[in-house]
N, C-alpha and C. Protein backbone atom coordinates (compact mmCIF):
# COMPACT_ATOMS: atom_id res chain seq x y z
N MET A 1 0.91 -1.23 -0.04
CA MET A 1 0.04 0.12 -0.01
C MET A 1 0.89 1.29 0.04
N ALA A 2 0.50 2.19 -0.77
CA ALA A 2 1.32 3.44 -0.84
C ALA A 2 0.28 4.66 -0.51
N THR A 3 0.93 5.71 -0.03
CA THR A 3 0.18 6.94 0.26
C THR A 3 1.03 8.08 0.02
N THR A 4 0.54 9.36 -0.03
CA THR A 4 1.38 10.45 -0.40
C THR A 4 1.50 11.31 0.91
N LEU A 5 2.75 11.80 0.88
CA LEU A 5 3.22 12.74 2.09
C LEU A 5 2.72 14.18 1.74
N THR A 6 2.00 14.92 2.66
CA THR A 6 1.53 16.15 2.35
C THR A 6 2.68 17.15 2.62
N SER A 7 2.50 18.42 2.27
CA SER A 7 3.50 19.39 2.50
C SER A 7 3.81 19.63 3.99
N LYS A 8 2.86 19.28 4.98
CA LYS A 8 3.01 19.36 6.32
C LYS A 8 3.70 18.12 6.84
N GLY A 9 4.04 17.11 6.01
CA GLY A 9 4.72 15.87 6.54
C GLY A 9 3.72 14.89 6.99
N GLN A 10 2.38 14.95 6.68
CA GLN A 10 1.42 14.02 7.02
C GLN A 10 1.03 13.08 6.08
N VAL A 11 0.60 11.81 6.50
CA VAL A 11 0.24 10.83 5.65
C VAL A 11 -1.33 10.32 6.27
N THR A 12 -1.99 9.73 5.27
CA THR A 12 -3.12 8.90 5.65
C THR A 12 -2.93 7.52 5.74
N VAL A 13 -3.05 7.02 6.93
CA VAL A 13 -2.86 5.67 7.14
C VAL A 13 -3.93 4.79 6.53
N PRO A 14 -3.78 4.00 5.65
CA PRO A 14 -4.76 3.29 4.89
C PRO A 14 -5.63 2.58 5.81
N LYS A 15 -7.00 2.46 5.56
CA LYS A 15 -7.94 1.71 6.43
C LYS A 15 -7.59 0.27 6.83
N PRO A 16 -7.06 -0.64 5.86
CA PRO A 16 -6.67 -1.97 6.32
C PRO A 16 -5.69 -1.86 7.33
N VAL A 17 -4.77 -0.91 7.41
CA VAL A 17 -3.67 -0.86 8.27
C VAL A 17 -4.14 -0.31 9.63
N ARG A 18 -5.12 0.59 9.64
CA ARG A 18 -5.81 1.13 10.85
C ARG A 18 -6.56 0.03 11.55
N ASP A 19 -7.22 -0.66 10.65
CA ASP A 19 -8.11 -1.78 11.22
C ASP A 19 -7.14 -2.85 11.87
N HIS A 20 -6.02 -3.20 11.28
CA HIS A 20 -5.17 -4.26 11.83
C HIS A 20 -4.58 -3.76 13.07
N LEU A 21 -4.25 -2.51 13.15
CA LEU A 21 -3.61 -1.99 14.30
C LEU A 21 -4.60 -1.64 15.57
N GLY A 22 -5.94 -1.56 15.11
CA GLY A 22 -6.92 -1.07 16.10
C GLY A 22 -6.87 0.32 16.47
N ILE A 23 -6.51 1.25 15.48
CA ILE A 23 -6.42 2.61 15.66
C ILE A 23 -7.47 3.51 14.98
N GLY A 24 -7.71 4.60 15.60
CA GLY A 24 -8.72 5.57 14.94
C GLY A 24 -8.27 7.00 15.47
N PRO A 25 -9.35 7.89 15.13
CA PRO A 25 -9.17 9.34 15.42
C PRO A 25 -8.60 9.45 16.94
N GLY A 26 -7.57 10.16 17.14
CA GLY A 26 -6.98 10.31 18.52
C GLY A 26 -6.00 9.29 18.97
N SER A 27 -5.84 8.12 18.26
CA SER A 27 -4.98 7.14 18.60
C SER A 27 -3.57 7.58 18.40
N ARG A 28 -2.64 7.06 19.15
CA ARG A 28 -1.33 7.45 19.02
C ARG A 28 -0.55 6.30 18.45
N VAL A 29 0.45 6.59 17.54
CA VAL A 29 1.31 5.54 16.84
C VAL A 29 2.79 5.98 17.18
N ALA A 30 3.41 4.85 17.13
CA ALA A 30 4.94 4.92 17.26
C ALA A 30 5.79 4.43 15.96
N PHE A 31 6.82 5.06 15.61
CA PHE A 31 7.64 4.61 14.63
C PHE A 31 8.92 4.12 15.05
N ARG A 32 9.32 2.80 14.67
CA ARG A 32 10.40 2.27 15.27
C ARG A 32 11.36 1.71 14.22
N MET A 33 12.71 1.92 14.23
CA MET A 33 13.46 1.27 13.21
C MET A 33 13.83 -0.10 13.50
N ALA A 34 13.50 -1.00 12.58
CA ALA A 34 13.95 -2.50 12.69
C ALA A 34 15.40 -2.70 12.45
N ASP A 35 15.89 -3.83 12.99
CA ASP A 35 17.27 -4.19 12.72
C ASP A 35 17.75 -4.20 11.12
N ASP A 36 16.81 -4.53 10.35
CA ASP A 36 17.10 -4.53 8.89
C ASP A 36 17.08 -3.03 8.25
N GLY A 37 16.75 -2.01 9.11
CA GLY A 37 16.66 -0.57 8.58
C GLY A 37 15.20 -0.25 8.15
N SER A 38 14.34 -1.07 8.20
CA SER A 38 12.98 -0.81 7.83
C SER A 38 12.35 -0.01 9.03
N ILE A 39 11.31 0.71 8.66
CA ILE A 39 10.66 1.49 9.59
C ILE A 39 9.23 0.76 9.90
N VAL A 40 9.01 0.62 11.28
CA VAL A 40 7.72 -0.13 11.66
C VAL A 40 6.77 0.73 12.37
N LEU A 41 5.41 0.84 12.02
CA LEU A 41 4.53 1.60 12.54
C LEU A 41 3.76 0.74 13.57
N GLU A 42 3.57 1.12 14.80
CA GLU A 42 3.08 0.31 15.84
C GLU A 42 1.98 1.28 16.57
N LYS A 43 0.94 0.64 17.22
CA LYS A 43 0.03 1.19 18.09
C LYS A 43 0.82 1.69 19.37
N ASP A 44 0.81 2.88 19.78
CA ASP A 44 1.41 3.30 21.08
C ASP A 44 0.31 3.13 22.14
N GLU A 45 0.54 2.00 22.84
CA GLU A 45 -0.24 1.54 23.82
C GLU A 45 -0.41 2.42 25.16
N GLY A 46 0.85 2.70 25.61
CA GLY A 46 0.83 3.39 26.87
C GLY A 46 0.80 4.82 27.02
N SER A 47 0.77 5.51 25.98
CA SER A 47 0.86 7.03 26.12
C SER A 47 -0.54 7.72 25.87
N ARG A 48 -1.57 7.11 25.52
CA ARG A 48 -2.82 7.76 25.29
C ARG A 48 -3.63 8.09 26.68
N PRO A 49 -3.71 9.30 26.99
CA PRO A 49 -4.35 9.69 28.50
C PRO A 49 -5.76 9.14 28.32
N LYS A 50 -6.32 8.82 29.46
CA LYS A 50 -7.72 8.45 29.53
C LYS A 50 -8.49 9.61 29.36
N SER A 51 -9.62 9.40 28.66
CA SER A 51 -10.66 10.58 28.48
C SER A 51 -11.15 10.96 29.95
N ARG A 52 -11.69 12.07 29.94
CA ARG A 52 -12.35 12.60 31.29
C ARG A 52 -13.50 11.74 31.63
N PHE A 53 -14.03 11.15 30.55
CA PHE A 53 -15.40 10.24 30.93
C PHE A 53 -14.78 8.96 31.41
N ALA A 54 -13.78 8.28 30.92
CA ALA A 54 -13.13 7.16 31.42
C ALA A 54 -12.66 7.26 32.87
N LYS A 55 -12.12 8.51 33.15
CA LYS A 55 -11.69 8.77 34.51
C LYS A 55 -12.78 8.79 35.54
N ALA A 56 -14.13 9.10 35.02
CA ALA A 56 -15.16 9.23 35.91
C ALA A 56 -15.84 7.96 36.29
N ILE A 57 -15.61 7.07 35.47
CA ILE A 57 -16.09 5.64 35.75
C ILE A 57 -15.85 5.21 37.18
N GLY A 58 -16.91 4.99 38.08
CA GLY A 58 -16.84 4.56 39.30
C GLY A 58 -16.63 5.73 40.46
N SER A 59 -16.54 6.97 39.88
CA SER A 59 -16.47 8.04 40.66
C SER A 59 -17.82 8.67 40.89
N ALA A 60 -18.82 8.70 40.05
CA ALA A 60 -20.21 9.15 40.27
C ALA A 60 -21.06 8.13 40.83
N GLY A 61 -21.90 8.47 41.63
CA GLY A 61 -22.77 7.71 42.41
C GLY A 61 -24.06 8.29 42.92
N PRO A 62 -24.83 7.44 43.68
CA PRO A 62 -26.11 8.07 44.27
C PRO A 62 -25.63 9.11 45.20
N GLY A 63 -26.48 10.11 45.31
CA GLY A 63 -26.26 11.29 46.14
C GLY A 63 -25.49 12.36 45.46
N MET A 64 -24.88 12.15 44.39
CA MET A 64 -24.06 13.36 43.68
C MET A 64 -25.12 14.21 43.03
N SER A 65 -24.95 15.52 43.20
CA SER A 65 -25.69 16.40 42.60
C SER A 65 -25.37 16.66 41.18
N THR A 66 -26.13 17.06 40.37
CA THR A 66 -25.98 17.38 38.98
C THR A 66 -24.77 18.36 38.73
N ASP A 67 -24.79 19.46 39.59
CA ASP A 67 -23.58 20.26 39.55
C ASP A 67 -22.18 19.53 39.74
N GLU A 68 -22.17 18.68 40.82
CA GLU A 68 -21.10 17.87 41.06
C GLU A 68 -20.65 16.92 39.91
N LEU A 69 -21.68 16.24 39.38
CA LEU A 69 -21.39 15.40 38.30
C LEU A 69 -20.91 16.12 37.05
N MET A 70 -21.38 17.35 36.76
CA MET A 70 -20.97 18.16 35.73
C MET A 70 -19.41 18.61 35.88
N LEU A 71 -19.19 19.02 37.19
CA LEU A 71 -17.72 19.28 37.54
C LEU A 71 -16.82 18.23 37.23
N LEU A 72 -17.11 16.96 37.67
CA LEU A 72 -16.37 15.82 37.56
C LEU A 72 -16.14 15.57 35.98
N LEU A 73 -17.16 15.64 35.21
CA LEU A 73 -17.11 15.34 33.69
C LEU A 73 -16.17 16.32 33.06
N ARG A 74 -16.44 17.52 33.49
CA ARG A 74 -15.56 18.58 32.65
C ARG A 74 -14.23 18.58 33.18
N GLY A 75 -13.76 18.07 34.36
CA GLY A 75 -12.57 18.06 34.83
C GLY A 75 -12.11 19.22 35.43
N GLU A 76 -13.03 19.97 35.85
CA GLU A 76 -12.72 21.27 36.54
C GLU A 76 -12.58 21.13 38.06
N PRO A 77 -11.72 21.99 38.65
CA PRO A 77 -11.59 22.04 40.05
C PRO A 77 -12.90 22.33 40.79
N GLU A 78 -13.03 21.74 41.96
CA GLU A 78 -14.23 22.13 42.82
C GLU A 78 -14.22 23.45 43.40
């Protein structure tokens, strides 16, 4: 598969490659040089920060006011 480099140094990762890696918008990828000199594109597993919604799982519960819940989801200090 081939793709074209833009003037900004960007490329579109072909859909079959995105599907294989399990990546989508917002996913991070890493480039690594293999022993044979080729470049390998990998999904960067460890560096994607959790969304504010993922961080809220288990934090909201009965008795929490709407305002408290909105502050939690917005990530704003209380």
